[in-house]
């Protein structure tokens, strides 16, 4: 009986000790901070794309688009860890912007192309700010 009780206490202590070690899952505050960081990186990549369009080669533009996509993938992954994050609206405006950039006319001057993208960029910027506010990220 004493031996069974000692084993039960040892098993309980071991379980409690393992629980105290914690898991690899980040806290809600850490998850939110990671989302805010990736959201800022995503916005920076879109700004870089916007600036790249004026004097860039097709390869540079493709590289900038790849950077935007990678940054977006990070936002989506980090948003899954934040319960209050709803990416529907920002995803929609991002998809619209991405499609407009990919389908841009190549036979027009770049200034016209950029001017044509401006409504999509504005809509994206507004959605980004709204999303950042919804998850309590500081925006500039």
C-alpha atoms as a PDB file:
ATOM      1  CA  UNK A   1       0.000   0.000   0.000  1.00  0.00           C
ATOM      2  CA  UNK A   2       2.783   2.410   0.928  1.00  0.00           C
ATOM      3  CA  UNK A   3       4.560   1.511  -2.273  1.00  0.00           C
ATOM      4  CA  UNK A   4       1.433   2.203  -4.367  1.00  0.00           C
ATOM      5  CA  UNK A   5       0.921   5.508  -2.609  1.00  0.00           C
ATOM      6  CA  UNK A   6       4.583   6.446  -3.158  1.00  0.00           C
ATOM      7  CA  UNK A   7       4.310   5.577  -6.875  1.00  0.00           C
ATOM      8  CA  UNK A   8       1.119   7.602  -7.192  1.00  0.00           C
ATOM      9  CA  UNK A   9       2.751  10.606  -5.505  1.00  0.00           C
ATOM     10  CA  UNK A  10       5.840  10.209  -7.712  1.00  0.00           C
ATOM     11  CA  UNK A  11       3.673   9.986 -10.856  1.00  0.00           C
ATOM     12  CA  UNK A  12       1.685  13.047  -9.788  1.00  0.00           C
ATOM     13  CA  UNK A  13       4.866  14.997  -9.045  1.00  0.00           C
ATOM     14  CA  UNK A  14       6.320  14.010 -12.414  1.00  0.00           C
ATOM     15  CA  UNK A  15       3.156  15.121 -14.228  1.00  0.00           C
ATOM     16  CA  UNK A  16       3.107  18.399 -12.326  1.00  0.00           C
ATOM     17  CA  UNK A  17       6.777  18.924 -13.072  1.00  0.00           C
ATOM     18  CA  UNK A  18       6.229  18.368 -16.780  1.00  0.00           C
ATOM     19  CA  UNK A  19       3.299  20.756 -16.799  1.00  0.00           C
ATOM     20  CA  UNK A  20       5.381  23.374 -15.014  1.00  0.00           C
ATOM     21  CA  UNK A  21       7.995  23.156 -17.719  1.00  0.00           C
ATOM     22  CA  UNK A  22       5.380  24.529 -20.070  1.00  0.00           C
ATOM     23  CA  UNK A  23       4.877  23.915 -23.705  1.00  0.00           C
ATOM     24  CA  UNK A  24       6.321  25.435 -26.826  1.00  0.00           C
ATOM     25  CA  UNK A  25       3.045  27.248 -27.472  1.00  0.00           C
ATOM     26  CA  UNK A  26       3.464  30.996 -27.229  1.00  0.00           C
ATOM     27  CA  UNK A  27       1.347  33.149 -24.949  1.00  0.00           C
ATOM     28  CA  UNK A  28      -1.454  35.272 -26.445  1.00  0.00           C
ATOM     29  CA  UNK A  29       0.679  38.398 -25.935  1.00  0.00           C
ATOM     30  CA  UNK A  30       3.645  36.808 -27.734  1.00  0.00           C
ATOM     31  CA  UNK A  31       1.381  35.628 -30.562  1.00  0.00           C
ATOM     32  CA  UNK A  32      -0.018  39.132 -30.956  1.00  0.00           C
ATOM     33  CA  UNK A  33       3.469  40.644 -30.959  1.00  0.00           C
ATOM     34  CA  UNK A  34       4.610  38.192 -33.632  1.00  0.00           C
ATOM     35  CA  UNK A  35       1.545  39.059 -35.723  1.00  0.00           C
ATOM     36  CA  UNK A  36       2.223  42.792 -35.357  1.00  0.00           C
ATOM     37  CA  UNK A  37       5.836  42.283 -36.387  1.00  0.00           C
ATOM     38  CA  UNK A  38       4.901  40.229 -39.434  1.00  0.00           C
ATOM     39  CA  UNK A  39       2.169  42.729 -40.324  1.00  0.00           C
ATOM     40  CA  UNK A  40       4.741  45.531 -40.270  1.00  0.00           C
ATOM     41  CA  UNK A  41       7.043  43.442 -42.458  1.00  0.00           C
ATOM     42  CA  UNK A  42       4.212  42.831 -44.876  1.00  0.00           C
ATOM     43  CA  UNK A  43       3.414  46.539 -45.132  1.00  0.00           C
ATOM     44  CA  UNK A  44       7.098  47.332 -45.659  1.00  0.00           C
ATOM     45  CA  UNK A  45       7.291  44.806 -48.492  1.00  0.00           C
ATOM     46  CA  UNK A  46       4.278  46.405 -50.194  1.00  0.00           C
ATOM     47  CA  UNK A  47       5.869  49.856 -49.829  1.00  0.00           C
ATOM     48  CA  UNK A  48       9.069  48.442 -51.349  1.00  0.00           C
ATOM     49  CA  UNK A  49       7.036  47.032 -54.226  1.00  0.00           C
ATOM     50  CA  UNK A  50       5.389  50.394 -54.764  1.00  0.00           C
ATOM     51  CA  UNK A  51       8.777  52.118 -54.903  1.00  0.00           C
ATOM     52  CA  UNK A  52      10.335  49.404 -57.041  1.00  0.00           C
ATOM     53  CA  UNK A  53       7.802  49.842 -59.807  1.00  0.00           C
ATOM     54  CA  UNK A  54       9.093  53.206 -60.948  1.00  0.00           C
ATOM     55  CA  UNK A  55      12.553  52.184 -62.110  1.00  0.00           C
ATOM     56  CA  UNK A  56      12.782  48.422 -61.846  1.00  0.00           C
ATOM     57  CA  UNK A  57      13.407  45.661 -64.300  1.00  0.00           C
ATOM     58  CA  UNK A  58      10.914  42.836 -64.648  1.00  0.00           C
ATOM     59  CA  UNK A  59      13.214  40.597 -62.537  1.00  0.00           C
ATOM     60  CA  UNK A  60      13.380  43.176 -59.758  1.00  0.00           C
ATOM     61  CA  UNK A  61       9.617  43.534 -59.830  1.00  0.00           C
ATOM     62  CA  UNK A  62       9.172  39.749 -59.650  1.00  0.00           C
ATOM     63  CA  UNK A  63      11.570  39.618 -56.706  1.00  0.00           C
ATOM     64  CA  UNK A  64       9.607  42.364 -54.933  1.00  0.00           C
ATOM     65  CA  UNK A  65       6.364  40.447 -55.567  1.00  0.00           C
ATOM     66  CA  UNK A  66       7.944  37.288 -54.150  1.00  0.00           C
ATOM     67  CA  UNK A  67       8.962  39.247 -51.032  1.00  0.00           C
ATOM     68  CA  UNK A  68       5.401  40.524 -50.623  1.00  0.00           C
ATOM     69  CA  UNK A  69       4.028  36.983 -50.943  1.00  0.00           C
ATOM     70  CA  UNK A  70       6.502  35.630 -48.367  1.00  0.00           C
ATOM     71  CA  UNK A  71       5.602  38.430 -45.959  1.00  0.00           C
ATOM     72  CA  UNK A  72       1.893  37.745 -46.485  1.00  0.00           C
ATOM     73  CA  UNK A  73       2.388  34.038 -45.797  1.00  0.00           C
ATOM     74  CA  UNK A  74       4.037  35.000 -42.487  1.00  0.00           C
ATOM     75  CA  UNK A  75       1.049  37.217 -41.570  1.00  0.00           C
ATOM     76  CA  UNK A  76      -1.367  34.383 -42.292  1.00  0.00           C
ATOM     77  CA  UNK A  77       0.680  31.914 -40.231  1.00  0.00           C
ATOM     78  CA  UNK A  78       0.991  34.319 -37.290  1.00  0.00           C
ATOM     79  CA  UNK A  79      -2.690  35.319 -37.463  1.00  0.00           C
ATOM     80  CA  UNK A  80      -3.684  31.701 -36.803  1.00  0.00           C
ATOM     81  CA  UNK A  81      -2.233  32.062 -33.294  1.00  0.00           C
ATOM     82  CA  UNK A  82      -4.274  35.193 -32.472  1.00  0.00           C
ATOM     83  CA  UNK A  83      -7.912  34.380 -31.733  1.00  0.00           C
ATOM     84  CA  UNK A  84      -9.201  37.875 -32.546  1.00  0.00           C
ATOM     85  CA  UNK A  85      -7.433  38.091 -35.915  1.00  0.00           C
ATOM     86  CA  UNK A  86      -9.758  38.053 -38.912  1.00  0.00           C
ATOM     87  CA  UNK A  87      -7.779  38.333 -42.129  1.00  0.00           C
ATOM     88  CA  UNK A  88     -10.742  38.261 -44.543  1.00  0.00           C
ATOM     89  CA  UNK A  89     -10.786  41.967 -45.465  1.00  0.00           C
ATOM     90  CA  UNK A  90      -7.027  42.490 -45.655  1.00  0.00           C
ATOM     91  CA  UNK A  91      -6.703  39.246 -47.640  1.00  0.00           C
ATOM     92  CA  UNK A  92      -9.305  40.475 -50.119  1.00  0.00           C
ATOM     93  CA  UNK A  93      -7.544  43.812 -50.661  1.00  0.00           C
ATOM     94  CA  UNK A  94      -4.173  42.064 -50.897  1.00  0.00           C
ATOM     95  CA  UNK A  95      -5.539  39.645 -53.488  1.00  0.00           C
ATOM     96  CA  UNK A  96      -6.953  42.589 -55.483  1.00  0.00           C
ATOM     97  CA  UNK A  97      -3.615  44.419 -55.330  1.00  0.00           C
ATOM     98  CA  UNK A  98      -1.649  41.294 -56.249  1.00  0.00           C
ATOM     99  CA  UNK A  99      -3.916  40.594 -59.214  1.00  0.00           C
ATOM    100  CA  UNK A 100      -3.657  44.207 -60.410  1.00  0.00           C
ATOM    101  CA  UNK A 101       0.151  44.092 -60.226  1.00  0.00           C
ATOM    102  CA  UNK A 102       0.363  40.735 -61.973  1.00  0.00           C
ATOM    103  CA  UNK A 103      -2.054  41.826 -64.711  1.00  0.00           C
ATOM    104  CA  UNK A 104      -0.511  45.264 -65.205  1.00  0.00           C
ATOM    105  CA  UNK A 105      -0.187  46.431 -68.790  1.00  0.00           C
ATOM    106  CA  UNK A 106       3.391  46.115 -69.974  1.00  0.00           C
ATOM    107  CA  UNK A 107       2.903  48.365 -73.002  1.00  0.00           C
ATOM    108  CA  UNK A 108       2.152  51.521 -71.005  1.00  0.00           C
ATOM    109  CA  UNK A 109       4.547  53.933 -69.310  1.00  0.00           C
ATOM    110  CA  UNK A 110       5.311  52.904 -65.735  1.00  0.00           C
ATOM    111  CA  UNK A 111       3.846  56.167 -64.406  1.00  0.00           C
ATOM    112  CA  UNK A 112       0.466  55.208 -65.871  1.00  0.00           C
ATOM    113  CA  UNK A 113       0.750  51.713 -64.460  1.00  0.00           C
ATOM    114  CA  UNK A 114       1.541  53.030 -60.978  1.00  0.00           C
ATOM    115  CA  UNK A 115      -1.289  55.562 -61.216  1.00  0.00           C
ATOM    116  CA  UNK A 116      -3.646  52.740 -62.141  1.00  0.00           C
ATOM    117  CA  UNK A 117      -2.569  50.762 -59.077  1.00  0.00           C
ATOM    118  CA  UNK A 118      -3.149  53.670 -56.699  1.00  0.00           C
ATOM    119  CA  UNK A 119      -6.789  52.782 -55.831  1.00  0.00           C
ATOM    120  CA  UNK A 120      -5.720  49.221 -54.969  1.00  0.00           C
ATOM    121  CA  UNK A 121      -2.793  50.489 -52.907  1.00  0.00           C
ATOM    122  CA  UNK A 122      -5.076  52.902 -51.046  1.00  0.00           C
ATOM    123  CA  UNK A 123      -7.626  50.165 -50.348  1.00  0.00           C
ATOM    124  CA  UNK A 124      -4.863  47.877 -49.116  1.00  0.00           C
ATOM    125  CA  UNK A 125      -3.389  50.587 -46.866  1.00  0.00           C
ATOM    126  CA  UNK A 126      -6.806  51.220 -45.323  1.00  0.00           C
ATOM    127  CA  UNK A 127      -7.382  47.486 -44.766  1.00  0.00           C
ATOM    128  CA  UNK A 128      -3.914  47.126 -43.248  1.00  0.00           C
ATOM    129  CA  UNK A 129      -4.580  49.941 -40.769  1.00  0.00           C
ATOM    130  CA  UNK A 130      -7.991  48.508 -39.886  1.00  0.00           C
ATOM    131  CA  UNK A 131      -6.538  45.035 -39.349  1.00  0.00           C
ATOM    132  CA  UNK A 132      -3.629  46.383 -37.284  1.00  0.00           C
ATOM    133  CA  UNK A 133      -6.061  48.300 -35.065  1.00  0.00           C
ATOM    134  CA  UNK A 134      -8.293  45.230 -34.698  1.00  0.00           C
ATOM    135  CA  UNK A 135      -5.435  43.246 -33.156  1.00  0.00           C
ATOM    136  CA  UNK A 136      -4.070  46.240 -31.188  1.00  0.00           C
ATOM    137  CA  UNK A 137      -0.900  46.713 -33.244  1.00  0.00           C
ATOM    138  CA  UNK A 138       0.612  50.165 -33.255  1.00  0.00           C
ATOM    139  CA  UNK A 139       0.494  51.730 -36.704  1.00  0.00           C
ATOM    140  CA  UNK A 140       2.391  54.634 -38.158  1.00  0.00           C
END
